[in-house]
Amino acid sequence: IEHPIRWYGLFWLLGIVLCYKILGSLFKKEGRPTEFLDQLTIYI
């Protein structure tokens, strides 16, 4: 398909994953379900 994978896109993905993990840990302590974080992530 000759489509490039770029560093910029990779860092965007890394940012989303790290934010998801950190918020996931926080929401777990606050008793929030995974679905709560999933919906928030989509909105953001």
PDB file of all heavy atoms in Angstrom:
ATOM      1  N   ILE A   1       0.825  -1.208   0.000  1.00  0.00           N
ATOM      2  CA  ILE A   1       0.000   0.000   0.000  1.00  0.00           C
ATOM      3  C   ILE A   1       0.862   1.263   0.000  1.00  0.00           C
ATOM      4  O   ILE A   1       0.349   2.369  -0.207  1.00  0.00           O
ATOM      5  CB  ILE A   1      -0.966   0.021   1.196  1.00  0.00           C
ATOM      6  CG1 ILE A   1      -0.187   0.051   2.520  1.00  0.00           C
ATOM      7  CG2 ILE A   1      -1.928  -1.145   1.140  1.00  0.00           C
ATOM      8  CD1 ILE A   1      -1.093   0.232   3.722  1.00  0.00           C
ATOM      9  N   GLU A   2       2.165   1.077   0.243  1.00  0.00           N
ATOM     10  CA  GLU A   2       3.111   2.194   0.210  1.00  0.00           C
ATOM     11  C   GLU A   2       2.681   3.358   1.115  1.00  0.00           C
ATOM     12  O   GLU A   2       2.792   4.530   0.747  1.00  0.00           O
ATOM     13  CB  GLU A   2       3.264   2.710  -1.231  1.00  0.00           C
ATOM     14  CG  GLU A   2       3.849   1.687  -2.187  1.00  0.00           C
ATOM     15  CD  GLU A   2       5.268   1.269  -1.782  1.00  0.00           C
ATOM     16  OE1 GLU A   2       6.060   2.153  -1.405  1.00  0.00           O
ATOM     17  OE2 GLU A   2       5.558   0.057  -1.839  1.00  0.00           O
ATOM     18  N   HIS A   3       2.211   3.005   2.296  1.00  0.00           N
ATOM     19  CA  HIS A   3       1.786   4.039   3.252  1.00  0.00           C
ATOM     20  C   HIS A   3       2.837   4.177   4.348  1.00  0.00           C
ATOM     21  O   HIS A   3       3.206   3.196   4.992  1.00  0.00           O
ATOM     22  CB  HIS A   3       0.435   3.678   3.873  1.00  0.00           C
ATOM     23  CG  HIS A   3      -0.094   4.736   4.806  1.00  0.00           C
ATOM     24  ND1 HIS A   3      -0.662   5.900   4.350  1.00  0.00           N
ATOM     25  CD2 HIS A   3      -0.111   4.809   6.165  1.00  0.00           C
ATOM     26  CE1 HIS A   3      -1.026   6.640   5.382  1.00  0.00           C
ATOM     27  NE2 HIS A   3      -0.704   6.003   6.497  1.00  0.00           N
ATOM     28  N   PRO A   4       3.324   5.400   4.593  1.00  0.00           N
ATOM     29  CA  PRO A   4       4.376   5.570   5.600  1.00  0.00           C
ATOM     30  C   PRO A   4       3.840   5.552   7.031  1.00  0.00           C
ATOM     31  O   PRO A   4       2.736   6.042   7.293  1.00  0.00           O
ATOM     32  CB  PRO A   4       4.956   6.943   5.261  1.00  0.00           C
ATOM     33  CG  PRO A   4       3.812   7.691   4.655  1.00  0.00           C
ATOM     34  CD  PRO A   4       3.017   6.667   3.899  1.00  0.00           C
ATOM     35  N   ILE A   5       4.613   4.982   7.938  1.00  0.00           N
ATOM     36  CA  ILE A   5       4.351   5.071   9.364  1.00  0.00           C
ATOM     37  C   ILE A   5       5.297   6.133   9.908  1.00  0.00           C
ATOM     38  O   ILE A   5       6.513   5.999   9.804  1.00  0.00           O
ATOM     39  CB  ILE A   5       4.589   3.725  10.081  1.00  0.00           C
ATOM     40  CG1 ILE A   5       3.660   2.650   9.493  1.00  0.00           C
ATOM     41  CG2 ILE A   5       4.371   3.862  11.579  1.00  0.00           C
ATOM     42  CD1 ILE A   5       2.181   2.939   9.675  1.00  0.00           C
ATOM     43  N   ARG A   6       4.727   7.196  10.469  1.00  0.00           N
ATOM     44  CA  ARG A   6       5.531   8.353  10.858  1.00  0.00           C
ATOM     45  C   ARG A   6       5.730   8.426  12.371  1.00  0.00           C
ATOM     46  O   ARG A   6       4.899   7.968  13.137  1.00  0.00           O
ATOM     47  CB  ARG A   6       4.875   9.638  10.346  1.00  0.00           C
ATOM     48  CG  ARG A   6       4.833   9.735   8.828  1.00  0.00           C
ATOM     49  CD  ARG A   6       4.386  11.116   8.375  1.00  0.00           C
ATOM     50  NE  ARG A   6       4.580  11.284   6.930  1.00  0.00           N
ATOM     51  CZ  ARG A   6       3.657  11.042   6.025  1.00  0.00           C
ATOM     52  NH1 ARG A   6       2.460  10.615   6.405  1.00  0.00           N
ATOM     53  NH2 ARG A   6       3.916  11.205   4.738  1.00  0.00           N
ATOM     54  N   TRP A   7       6.851   9.034  12.733  1.00  0.00           N
ATOM     55  CA  TRP A   7       7.152   9.242  14.146  1.00  0.00           C
ATOM     56  C   TRP A   7       6.063  10.060  14.829  1.00  0.00           C
ATOM     57  O   TRP A   7       5.708   9.800  15.978  1.00  0.00           O
ATOM     58  CB  TRP A   7       8.493   9.968  14.286  1.00  0.00           C
ATOM     59  CG  TRP A   7       9.683   9.110  14.008  1.00  0.00           C
ATOM     60  CD1 TRP A   7      10.500   9.162  12.915  1.00  0.00           C
ATOM     61  CD2 TRP A   7      10.214   8.065  14.847  1.00  0.00           C
ATOM     62  NE1 TRP A   7      11.501   8.223  13.012  1.00  0.00           N
ATOM     63  CE2 TRP A   7      11.346   7.536  14.199  1.00  0.00           C
ATOM     64  CE3 TRP A   7       9.833   7.534  16.079  1.00  0.00           C
ATOM     65  CZ2 TRP A   7      12.103   6.512  14.736  1.00  0.00           C
ATOM     66  CZ3 TRP A   7      10.579   6.512  16.630  1.00  0.00           C
ATOM     67  CH2 TRP A   7      11.703   6.012  15.954  1.00  0.00           C
ATOM     68  N   TYR A   8       5.538  11.059  14.129  1.00  0.00           N
ATOM     69  CA  TYR A   8       4.521  11.933  14.724  1.00  0.00           C
ATOM     70  C   TYR A   8       3.291  11.133  15.143  1.00  0.00           C
ATOM     71  O   TYR A   8       2.778  11.293  16.257  1.00  0.00           O
ATOM     72  CB  TYR A   8       4.123  13.021  13.724  1.00  0.00           C
ATOM     73  CG  TYR A   8       3.207  14.073  14.302  1.00  0.00           C
ATOM     74  CD1 TYR A   8       3.711  15.077  15.123  1.00  0.00           C
ATOM     75  CD2 TYR A   8       1.846  14.071  14.016  1.00  0.00           C
ATOM     76  CE1 TYR A   8       2.876  16.053  15.650  1.00  0.00           C
ATOM     77  CE2 TYR A   8       0.998  15.042  14.541  1.00  0.00           C
ATOM     78  CZ  TYR A   8       1.519  16.027  15.353  1.00  0.00           C
ATOM     79  OH  TYR A   8       0.680  16.976  15.886  1.00  0.00           O
ATOM     80  N   GLY A   9       2.837  10.266  14.258  1.00  0.00           N
ATOM     81  CA  GLY A   9       1.684   9.430  14.580  1.00  0.00           C
ATOM     82  C   GLY A   9       1.976   8.472  15.722  1.00  0.00           C
ATOM     83  O   GLY A   9       1.118   8.213  16.577  1.00  0.00           O
ATOM     84  N   LEU A  10       3.203   7.943  15.744  1.00  0.00           N
ATOM     85  CA  LEU A  10       3.593   7.020  16.813  1.00  0.00           C
ATOM     86  C   LEU A  10       3.584   7.729  18.163  1.00  0.00           C
ATOM     87  O   LEU A  10       3.106   7.166  19.172  1.00  0.00           O
ATOM     88  CB  LEU A  10       4.985   6.455  16.524  1.00  0.00           C
ATOM     89  CG  LEU A  10       5.527   5.467  17.565  1.00  0.00           C
ATOM     90  CD1 LEU A  10       4.672   4.221  17.626  1.00  0.00           C
ATOM     91  CD2 LEU A  10       6.972   5.102  17.255  1.00  0.00           C
ATOM     92  N   PHE A  11       4.077   8.956  18.209  1.00  0.00           N
ATOM     93  CA  PHE A  11       4.082   9.697  19.474  1.00  0.00           C
ATOM     94  C   PHE A  11       2.672  10.090  19.903  1.00  0.00           C
ATOM     95  O   PHE A  11       2.374  10.148  21.103  1.00  0.00           O
ATOM     96  CB  PHE A  11       4.986  10.929  19.370  1.00  0.00           C
ATOM     97  CG  PHE A  11       6.435  10.624  19.631  1.00  0.00           C
ATOM     98  CD1 PHE A  11       7.358  10.597  18.596  1.00  0.00           C
ATOM     99  CD2 PHE A  11       6.875  10.348  20.917  1.00  0.00           C
ATOM    100  CE1 PHE A  11       8.693  10.305  18.838  1.00  0.00           C
ATOM    101  CE2 PHE A  11       8.209  10.053  21.163  1.00  0.00           C
ATOM    102  CZ  PHE A  11       9.123  10.032  20.131  1.00  0.00           C
ATOM    103  N   TRP A  12       1.806  10.373  18.953  1.00  0.00           N
ATOM    104  CA  TRP A  12       0.397  10.622  19.281  1.00  0.00           C
ATOM    105  C   TRP A  12      -0.192   9.386  19.948  1.00  0.00           C
ATOM    106  O   TRP A  12      -0.865   9.480  20.986  1.00  0.00           O
ATOM    107  CB  TRP A  12      -0.391  10.937  17.998  1.00  0.00           C
ATOM    108  CG  TRP A  12      -0.715  12.381  17.818  1.00  0.00           C
ATOM    109  CD1 TRP A  12       0.077  13.338  17.267  1.00  0.00           C
ATOM    110  CD2 TRP A  12      -1.925  13.037  18.195  1.00  0.00           C
ATOM    111  NE1 TRP A  12      -0.563  14.551  17.268  1.00  0.00           N
ATOM    112  CE2 TRP A  12      -1.790  14.406  17.827  1.00  0.00           C
ATOM    113  CE3 TRP A  12      -3.104  12.611  18.788  1.00  0.00           C
ATOM    114  CZ2 TRP A  12      -2.805  15.338  18.048  1.00  0.00           C
ATOM    115  CZ3 TRP A  12      -4.118  13.550  19.019  1.00  0.00           C
ATOM    116  CH2 TRP A  12      -3.957  14.886  18.643  1.00  0.00           C
ATOM    117  N   LEU A  13       0.037   8.219  19.354  1.00  0.00           N
ATOM    118  CA  LEU A  13      -0.484   6.974  19.911  1.00  0.00           C
ATOM    119  C   LEU A  13       0.104   6.711  21.286  1.00  0.00           C
ATOM    120  O   LEU A  13      -0.614   6.293  22.216  1.00  0.00           O
ATOM    121  CB  LEU A  13      -0.153   5.817  18.968  1.00  0.00           C
ATOM    122  CG  LEU A  13      -0.611   4.424  19.420  1.00  0.00           C
ATOM    123  CD1 LEU A  13      -2.120   4.385  19.573  1.00  0.00           C
ATOM    124  CD2 LEU A  13      -0.151   3.361  18.412  1.00  0.00           C
ATOM    125  N   LEU A  14       1.410   6.956  21.451  1.00  0.00           N
ATOM    126  CA  LEU A  14       2.059   6.772  22.746  1.00  0.00           C
ATOM    127  C   LEU A  14       1.420   7.671  23.801  1.00  0.00           C
ATOM    128  O   LEU A  14       1.172   7.235  24.944  1.00  0.00           O
ATOM    129  CB  LEU A  14       3.549   7.075  22.631  1.00  0.00           C
ATOM    130  CG  LEU A  14       4.365   6.978  23.938  1.00  0.00           C
ATOM    131  CD1 LEU A  14       4.318   5.561  24.486  1.00  0.00           C
ATOM    132  CD2 LEU A  14       5.802   7.428  23.704  1.00  0.00           C
ATOM    133  N   GLY A  15       1.129   8.903  23.439  1.00  0.00           N
ATOM    134  CA  GLY A  15       0.491   9.828  24.368  1.00  0.00           C
ATOM    135  C   GLY A  15      -0.868   9.337  24.820  1.00  0.00           C
ATOM    136  O   GLY A  15      -1.211   9.404  26.010  1.00  0.00           O
ATOM    137  N   ILE A  16      -1.664   8.826  23.874  1.00  0.00           N
ATOM    138  CA  ILE A  16      -3.003   8.308  24.212  1.00  0.00           C
ATOM    139  C   ILE A  16      -2.895   7.116  25.153  1.00  0.00           C
ATOM    140  O   ILE A  16      -3.614   7.014  26.151  1.00  0.00           O
ATOM    141  CB  ILE A  16      -3.762   7.916  22.927  1.00  0.00           C
ATOM    142  CG1 ILE A  16      -4.061   9.158  22.093  1.00  0.00           C
ATOM    143  CG2 ILE A  16      -5.052   7.180  23.266  1.00  0.00           C
ATOM    144  CD1 ILE A  16      -4.638   8.861  20.722  1.00  0.00           C
ATOM    145  N   VAL A  17      -1.975   6.199  24.859  1.00  0.00           N
ATOM    146  CA  VAL A  17      -1.811   4.991  25.675  1.00  0.00           C
ATOM    147  C   VAL A  17      -1.366   5.350  27.100  1.00  0.00           C
ATOM    148  O   VAL A  17      -1.916   4.831  28.085  1.00  0.00           O
ATOM    149  CB  VAL A  17      -0.798   4.029  25.029  1.00  0.00           C
ATOM    150  CG1 VAL A  17      -0.462   2.877  25.981  1.00  0.00           C
ATOM    151  CG2 VAL A  17      -1.355   3.475  23.716  1.00  0.00           C
ATOM    152  N   LEU A  18      -0.391   6.236  27.217  1.00  0.00           N
ATOM    153  CA  LEU A  18       0.106   6.625  28.538  1.00  0.00           C
ATOM    154  C   LEU A  18      -0.980   7.327  29.355  1.00  0.00           C
ATOM    155  O   LEU A  18      -1.154   7.048  30.549  1.00  0.00           O
ATOM    156  CB  LEU A  18       1.325   7.531  28.400  1.00  0.00           C
ATOM    157  CG  LEU A  18       2.607   6.877  27.882  1.00  0.00           C
ATOM    158  CD1 LEU A  18       3.706   7.917  27.701  1.00  0.00           C
ATOM    159  CD2 LEU A  18       3.078   5.768  28.828  1.00  0.00           C
ATOM    160  N   CYS A  19      -1.714   8.233  28.712  1.00  0.00           N
ATOM    161  CA  CYS A  19      -2.799   8.933  29.409  1.00  0.00           C
ATOM    162  C   CYS A  19      -3.874   7.950  29.854  1.00  0.00           C
ATOM    163  O   CYS A  19      -4.413   8.055  30.964  1.00  0.00           O
ATOM    164  CB  CYS A  19      -3.409   9.999  28.503  1.00  0.00           C
ATOM    165  SG  CYS A  19      -2.318  11.398  28.171  1.00  0.00           S
ATOM    166  N   TYR A  20      -4.186   6.991  28.999  1.00  0.00           N
ATOM    167  CA  TYR A  20      -5.201   5.979  29.323  1.00  0.00           C
ATOM    168  C   TYR A  20      -4.768   5.152  30.537  1.00  0.00           C
ATOM    169  O   TYR A  20      -5.564   4.887  31.443  1.00  0.00           O
ATOM    170  CB  TYR A  20      -5.420   5.080  28.107  1.00  0.00           C
ATOM    171  CG  TYR A  20      -6.526   4.059  28.295  1.00  0.00           C
ATOM    172  CD1 TYR A  20      -7.829   4.365  27.920  1.00  0.00           C
ATOM    173  CD2 TYR A  20      -6.263   2.801  28.832  1.00  0.00           C
ATOM    174  CE1 TYR A  20      -8.850   3.433  28.084  1.00  0.00           C
ATOM    175  CE2 TYR A  20      -7.277   1.876  29.001  1.00  0.00           C
ATOM    176  CZ  TYR A  20      -8.565   2.192  28.628  1.00  0.00           C
ATOM    177  OH  TYR A  20      -9.563   1.278  28.810  1.00  0.00           O
ATOM    178  N   LYS A  21      -3.502   4.769  30.552  1.00  0.00           N
ATOM    179  CA  LYS A  21      -2.987   3.949  31.659  1.00  0.00           C
ATOM    180  C   LYS A  21      -3.015   4.713  32.978  1.00  0.00           C
ATOM    181  O   LYS A  21      -3.414   4.184  34.027  1.00  0.00           O
ATOM    182  CB  LYS A  21      -1.564   3.486  31.347  1.00  0.00           C
ATOM    183  CG  LYS A  21      -1.448   2.475  30.213  1.00  0.00           C
ATOM    184  CD  LYS A  21      -2.048   1.145  30.617  1.00  0.00           C
ATOM    185  CE  LYS A  21      -1.832   0.111  29.518  1.00  0.00           C
ATOM    186  NZ  LYS A  21      -2.447  -1.212  29.879  1.00  0.00           N
ATOM    187  N   ILE A  22      -2.575   5.963  32.942  1.00  0.00           N
ATOM    188  CA  ILE A  22      -2.516   6.760  34.169  1.00  0.00           C
ATOM    189  C   ILE A  22      -3.911   7.056  34.697  1.00  0.00           C
ATOM    190  O   ILE A  22      -4.188   6.894  35.898  1.00  0.00           O
ATOM    191  CB  ILE A  22      -1.745   8.075  33.911  1.00  0.00           C
ATOM    192  CG1 ILE A  22      -0.286   7.765  33.576  1.00  0.00           C
ATOM    193  CG2 ILE A  22      -1.819   8.990  35.133  1.00  0.00           C
ATOM    194  CD1 ILE A  22       0.479   8.957  33.024  1.00  0.00           C
ATOM    195  N   LEU A  23      -4.816   7.474  33.808  1.00  0.00           N
ATOM    196  CA  LEU A  23      -6.189   7.728  34.242  1.00  0.00           C
ATOM    197  C   LEU A  23      -6.873   6.442  34.685  1.00  0.00           C
ATOM    198  O   LEU A  23      -7.696   6.451  35.610  1.00  0.00           O
ATOM    199  CB  LEU A  23      -6.986   8.390  33.116  1.00  0.00           C
ATOM    200  CG  LEU A  23      -6.776   9.887  32.920  1.00  0.00           C
ATOM    201  CD1 LEU A  23      -7.635  10.406  31.774  1.00  0.00           C
ATOM    202  CD2 LEU A  23      -7.098  10.655  34.195  1.00  0.00           C
ATOM    203  N   GLY A  24      -6.529   5.327  34.036  1.00  0.00           N
ATOM    204  CA  GLY A  24      -7.107   4.040  34.420  1.00  0.00           C
ATOM    205  C   GLY A  24      -6.754   3.693  35.859  1.00  0.00           C
ATOM    206  O   GLY A  24      -7.606   3.220  36.631  1.00  0.00           O
ATOM    207  N   SER A  25      -5.507   3.942  36.230  1.00  0.00           N
ATOM    208  CA  SER A  25      -5.076   3.675  37.605  1.00  0.00           C
ATOM    209  C   SER A  25      -5.806   4.588  38.583  1.00  0.00           C
ATOM    210  O   SER A  25      -6.235   4.146  39.666  1.00  0.00           O
ATOM    211  CB  SER A  25      -3.562   3.888  37.707  1.00  0.00           C
ATOM    212  OG  SER A  25      -3.121   3.736  39.038  1.00  0.00           O
ATOM    213  N   LEU A  26      -5.982   5.849  38.209  1.00  0.00           N
ATOM    214  CA  LEU A  26      -6.667   6.805  39.079  1.00  0.00           C
ATOM    215  C   LEU A  26      -8.136   6.445  39.256  1.00  0.00           C
ATOM    216  O   LEU A  26      -8.655   6.424  40.380  1.00  0.00           O
ATOM    217  CB  LEU A  26      -6.540   8.210  38.489  1.00  0.00           C
ATOM    218  CG  LEU A  26      -7.300   9.325  39.208  1.00  0.00           C
ATOM    219  CD1 LEU A  26      -6.792   9.497  40.632  1.00  0.00           C
ATOM    220  CD2 LEU A  26      -7.196  10.628  38.438  1.00  0.00           C
ATOM    221  N   PHE A  27      -8.804   6.157  38.139  1.00  0.00           N
ATOM    222  CA  PHE A  27     -10.228   5.833  38.207  1.00  0.00           C
ATOM    223  C   PHE A  27     -10.483   4.513  38.933  1.00  0.00           C
ATOM    224  O   PHE A  27     -11.524   4.339  39.573  1.00  0.00           O
ATOM    225  CB  PHE A  27     -10.828   5.787  36.798  1.00  0.00           C
ATOM    226  CG  PHE A  27     -11.004   7.144  36.178  1.00  0.00           C
ATOM    227  CD1 PHE A  27     -10.861   7.324  34.812  1.00  0.00           C
ATOM    228  CD2 PHE A  27     -11.307   8.241  36.960  1.00  0.00           C
ATOM    229  CE1 PHE A  27     -11.021   8.574  34.233  1.00  0.00           C
ATOM    230  CE2 PHE A  27     -11.470   9.500  36.394  1.00  0.00           C
ATOM    231  CZ  PHE A  27     -11.334   9.666  35.036  1.00  0.00           C
ATOM    232  N   LYS A  28      -9.545   3.599  38.839  1.00  0.00           N
ATOM    233  CA  LYS A  28      -9.682   2.331  39.563  1.00  0.00           C
ATOM    234  C   LYS A  28      -9.716   2.571  41.064  1.00  0.00           C
ATOM    235  O   LYS A  28     -10.513   1.969  41.794  1.00  0.00           O
ATOM    236  CB  LYS A  28      -8.529   1.393  39.199  1.00  0.00           C
ATOM    237  CG  LYS A  28      -8.659  -0.001  39.821  1.00  0.00           C
ATOM    238  CD  LYS A  28      -7.522  -0.908  39.356  1.00  0.00           C
ATOM    239  CE  LYS A  28      -7.672  -2.301  39.974  1.00  0.00           C
ATOM    240  NZ  LYS A  28      -6.574  -3.202  39.528  1.00  0.00           N
ATOM    241  N   LYS A  29      -8.843   3.482  41.540  1.00  0.00           N
ATOM    242  CA  LYS A  29      -8.818   3.821  42.961  1.00  0.00           C
ATOM    243  C   LYS A  29     -10.110   4.523  43.383  1.00  0.00           C
ATOM    244  O   LYS A  29     -10.531   4.432  44.536  1.00  0.00           O
ATOM    245  CB  LYS A  29      -7.622   4.713  43.269  1.00  0.00           C
ATOM    246  CG  LYS A  29      -6.279   4.023  43.097  1.00  0.00           C
ATOM    247  CD  LYS A  29      -5.135   4.989  43.356  1.00  0.00           C
ATOM    248  CE  LYS A  29      -3.788   4.302  43.152  1.00  0.00           C
ATOM    249  NZ  LYS A  29      -2.651   5.260  43.361  1.00  0.00           N
ATOM    250  N   GLU A  30     -10.727   5.246  42.438  1.00  0.00           N
ATOM    251  CA  GLU A  30     -11.960   5.969  42.740  1.00  0.00           C
ATOM    252  C   GLU A  30     -13.205   5.139  42.483  1.00  0.00           C
ATOM    253  O   GLU A  30     -14.325   5.619  42.661  1.00  0.00           O
ATOM    254  CB  GLU A  30     -12.020   7.255  41.912  1.00  0.00           C
ATOM    255  CG  GLU A  30     -10.922   8.253  42.264  1.00  0.00           C
ATOM    256  CD  GLU A  30     -10.999   9.535  41.469  1.00  0.00           C
ATOM    257  OE1 GLU A  30     -11.575   9.496  40.363  1.00  0.00           O
ATOM    258  OE2 GLU A  30     -10.501  10.563  41.940  1.00  0.00           O
ATOM    259  N   GLY A  31     -13.008   3.898  42.059  1.00  0.00           N
ATOM    260  CA  GLY A  31     -14.137   2.997  41.855  1.00  0.00           C
ATOM    261  C   GLY A  31     -14.907   3.219  40.573  1.00  0.00           C
ATOM    262  O   GLY A  31     -16.069   2.799  40.469  1.00  0.00           O
ATOM    263  N   ARG A  32     -14.276   3.827  39.596  1.00  0.00           N
ATOM    264  CA  ARG A  32     -14.938   4.054  38.311  1.00  0.00           C
ATOM    265  C   ARG A  32     -14.712   2.858  37.391  1.00  0.00           C
ATOM    266  O   ARG A  32     -13.596   2.331  37.319  1.00  0.00           O
ATOM    267  CB  ARG A  32     -14.395   5.315  37.634  1.00  0.00           C
ATOM    268  CG  ARG A  32     -14.655   6.579  38.433  1.00  0.00           C
ATOM    269  CD  ARG A  32     -16.080   7.038  38.298  1.00  0.00           C
ATOM    270  NE  ARG A  32     -16.370   8.159  39.198  1.00  0.00           N
ATOM    271  CZ  ARG A  32     -17.526   8.784  39.251  1.00  0.00           C
ATOM    272  NH1 ARG A  32     -18.509   8.402  38.432  1.00  0.00           N
ATOM    273  NH2 ARG A  32     -17.729   9.764  40.097  1.00  0.00           N
ATOM    274  N   PRO A  33     -15.744   2.427  36.649  1.00  0.00           N
ATOM    275  CA  PRO A  33     -15.586   1.270  35.758  1.00  0.00           C
ATOM    276  C   PRO A  33     -14.741   1.600  34.537  1.00  0.00           C
ATOM    277  O   PRO A  33     -14.550   2.767  34.175  1.00  0.00           O
ATOM    278  CB  PRO A  33     -17.033   0.948  35.354  1.00  0.00           C
ATOM    279  CG  PRO A  33     -17.750   2.257  35.464  1.00  0.00           C
ATOM    280  CD  PRO A  33     -17.110   2.970  36.637  1.00  0.00           C
ATOM    281  N   THR A  34     -14.238   0.572  33.877  1.00  0.00           N
ATOM    282  CA  THR A  34     -13.418   0.747  32.675  1.00  0.00           C
ATOM    283  C   THR A  34     -14.194   1.462  31.577  1.00  0.00           C
ATOM    284  O   THR A  34     -13.619   2.250  30.813  1.00  0.00           O
ATOM    285  CB  THR A  34     -12.937  -0.622  32.157  1.00  0.00           C
ATOM    286  OG1 THR A  34     -12.213  -1.290  33.206  1.00  0.00           O
ATOM    287  CG2 THR A  34     -12.038  -0.471  30.952  1.00  0.00           C
ATOM    288  N   GLU A  35     -15.493   1.187  31.491  1.00  0.00           N
ATOM    289  CA  GLU A  35     -16.319   1.812  30.459  1.00  0.00           C
ATOM    290  C   GLU A  35     -16.329   3.331  30.601  1.00  0.00           C
ATOM    291  O   GLU A  35     -16.409   4.062  29.608  1.00  0.00           O
ATOM    292  CB  GLU A  35     -17.762   1.287  30.538  1.00  0.00           C
ATOM    293  CG  GLU A  35     -17.933  -0.171  30.140  1.00  0.00           C
ATOM    294  CD  GLU A  35     -17.462  -1.136  31.229  1.00  0.00           C
ATOM    295  OE1 GLU A  35     -17.243  -0.681  32.389  1.00  0.00           O
ATOM    296  OE2 GLU A  35     -17.325  -2.341  30.935  1.00  0.00           O
ATOM    297  N   PHE A  36     -16.228   3.807  31.830  1.00  0.00           N
ATOM    298  CA  PHE A  36     -16.185   5.244  32.092  1.00  0.00           C
ATOM    299  C   PHE A  36     -14.963   5.870  31.427  1.00  0.00           C
ATOM    300  O   PHE A  36     -15.057   6.886  30.743  1.00  0.00           O
ATOM    301  CB  PHE A  36     -16.145   5.469  33.614  1.00  0.00           C
ATOM    302  CG  PHE A  36     -16.136   6.918  34.027  1.00  0.00           C
ATOM    303  CD1 PHE A  36     -17.318   7.622  34.183  1.00  0.00           C
ATOM    304  CD2 PHE A  36     -14.940   7.582  34.268  1.00  0.00           C
ATOM    305  CE1 PHE A  36     -17.315   8.960  34.570  1.00  0.00           C
ATOM    306  CE2 PHE A  36     -14.920   8.912  34.648  1.00  0.00           C
ATOM    307  CZ  PHE A  36     -16.117   9.597  34.803  1.00  0.00           C
ATOM    308  N   LEU A  37     -13.818   5.238  31.609  1.00  0.00           N
ATOM    309  CA  LEU A  37     -12.575   5.724  31.008  1.00  0.00           C
ATOM    310  C   LEU A  37     -12.607   5.586  29.495  1.00  0.00           C
ATOM    311  O   LEU A  37     -12.137   6.476  28.773  1.00  0.00           O
ATOM    312  CB  LEU A  37     -11.377   4.968  31.580  1.00  0.00           C
ATOM    313  CG  LEU A  37     -10.010   5.288  30.968  1.00  0.00           C
ATOM    314  CD1 LEU A  37      -9.684   6.773  31.110  1.00  0.00           C
ATOM    315  CD2 LEU A  37      -8.929   4.434  31.609  1.00  0.00           C
ATOM    316  N   ASP A  38     -13.155   4.490  29.001  1.00  0.00           N
ATOM    317  CA  ASP A  38     -13.224   4.283  27.551  1.00  0.00           C
ATOM    318  C   ASP A  38     -14.021   5.393  26.872  1.00  0.00           C
ATOM    319  O   ASP A  38     -13.614   5.936  25.838  1.00  0.00           O
ATOM    320  CB  ASP A  38     -13.860   2.929  27.238  1.00  0.00           C
ATOM    321  CG  ASP A  38     -12.970   1.762  27.642  1.00  0.00           C
ATOM    322  OD1 ASP A  38     -11.757   1.985  27.842  1.00  0.00           O
ATOM    323  OD2 ASP A  38     -13.490   0.637  27.785  1.00  0.00           O
ATOM    324  N   GLN A  39     -15.162   5.741  27.462  1.00  0.00           N
ATOM    325  CA  GLN A  39     -15.995   6.799  26.887  1.00  0.00           C
ATOM    326  C   GLN A  39     -15.294   8.154  26.959  1.00  0.00           C
ATOM    327  O   GLN A  39     -15.322   8.933  25.997  1.00  0.00           O
ATOM    328  CB  GLN A  39     -17.336   6.859  27.618  1.00  0.00           C
ATOM    329  CG  GLN A  39     -18.227   5.650  27.381  1.00  0.00           C
ATOM    330  CD  GLN A  39     -19.532   5.734  28.153  1.00  0.00           C
ATOM    331  OE1 GLN A  39     -19.994   6.814  28.496  1.00  0.00           O
ATOM    332  NE2 GLN A  39     -20.129   4.587  28.451  1.00  0.00           N
ATOM    333  N   LEU A  40     -14.658   8.430  28.100  1.00  0.00           N
ATOM    334  CA  LEU A  40     -13.939   9.696  28.249  1.00  0.00           C
ATOM    335  C   LEU A  40     -12.817   9.801  27.218  1.00  0.00           C
ATOM    336  O   LEU A  40     -12.600  10.865  26.617  1.00  0.00           O
ATOM    337  CB  LEU A  40     -13.369   9.814  29.659  1.00  0.00           C
ATOM    338  CG  LEU A  40     -12.512  11.059  29.947  1.00  0.00           C
ATOM    339  CD1 LEU A  40     -13.315  12.333  29.725  1.00  0.00           C
ATOM    340  CD2 LEU A  40     -11.944  11.012  31.358  1.00  0.00           C
ATOM    341  N   THR A  41     -12.113   8.703  26.995  1.00  0.00           N
ATOM    342  CA  THR A  41     -11.013   8.692  26.031  1.00  0.00           C
ATOM    343  C   THR A  41     -11.504   9.018  24.625  1.00  0.00           C
ATOM    344  O   THR A  41     -10.881   9.804  23.897  1.00  0.00           O
ATOM    345  CB  THR A  41     -10.310   7.323  26.029  1.00  0.00           C
ATOM    346  OG1 THR A  41      -9.802   7.045  27.345  1.00  0.00           O
ATOM    347  CG2 THR A  41      -9.159   7.299  25.032  1.00  0.00           C
ATOM    348  N   ILE A  42     -12.622   8.442  24.236  1.00  0.00           N
ATOM    349  CA  ILE A  42     -13.183   8.705  22.906  1.00  0.00           C
ATOM    350  C   ILE A  42     -13.538  10.178  22.767  1.00  0.00           C
ATOM    351  O   ILE A  42     -13.217  10.829  21.755  1.00  0.00           O
ATOM    352  CB  ILE A  42     -14.421   7.823  22.657  1.00  0.00           C
ATOM    353  CG1 ILE A  42     -14.009   6.349  22.565  1.00  0.00           C
ATOM    354  CG2 ILE A  42     -15.139   8.244  21.373  1.00  0.00           C
ATOM    355  CD1 ILE A  42     -15.175   5.382  22.510  1.00  0.00           C
ATOM    356  N   TYR A  43     -14.184  10.733  23.780  1.00  0.00           N
ATOM    357  CA  TYR A  43     -14.556  12.152  23.756  1.00  0.00           C
ATOM    358  C   TYR A  43     -13.313  13.030  23.617  1.00  0.00           C
ATOM    359  O   TYR A  43     -13.283  13.962  22.796  1.00  0.00           O
ATOM    360  CB  TYR A  43     -15.298  12.531  25.046  1.00  0.00           C
ATOM    361  CG  TYR A  43     -16.790  12.288  25.019  1.00  0.00           C
ATOM    362  CD1 TYR A  43     -17.320  11.011  25.166  1.00  0.00           C
ATOM    363  CD2 TYR A  43     -17.688  13.350  24.874  1.00  0.00           C
ATOM    364  CE1 TYR A  43     -18.686  10.787  25.164  1.00  0.00           C
ATOM    365  CE2 TYR A  43     -19.064  13.145  24.869  1.00  0.00           C
ATOM    366  CZ  TYR A  43     -19.556  11.859  25.009  1.00  0.00           C
ATOM    367  OH  TYR A  43     -20.913  11.650  25.002  1.00  0.00           O
ATOM    368  N   ILE A  44     -12.296  12.738  24.429  1.00  0.00           N
ATOM    369  CA  ILE A  44     -11.092  13.578  24.444  1.00  0.00           C
ATOM    370  C   ILE A  44     -10.319  13.479  23.135  1.00  0.00           C
ATOM    371  O   ILE A  44      -9.863  14.500  22.586  1.00  0.00           O
ATOM    372  CB  ILE A  44     -10.176  13.190  25.619  1.00  0.00           C
ATOM    373  CG1 ILE A  44     -10.874  13.478  26.951  1.00  0.00           C
ATOM    374  CG2 ILE A  44      -8.858  13.949  25.545  1.00  0.00           C
ATOM    375  CD1 ILE A  44     -11.193  14.931  27.178  1.00  0.00           C
TER     376      ILE A  44
END
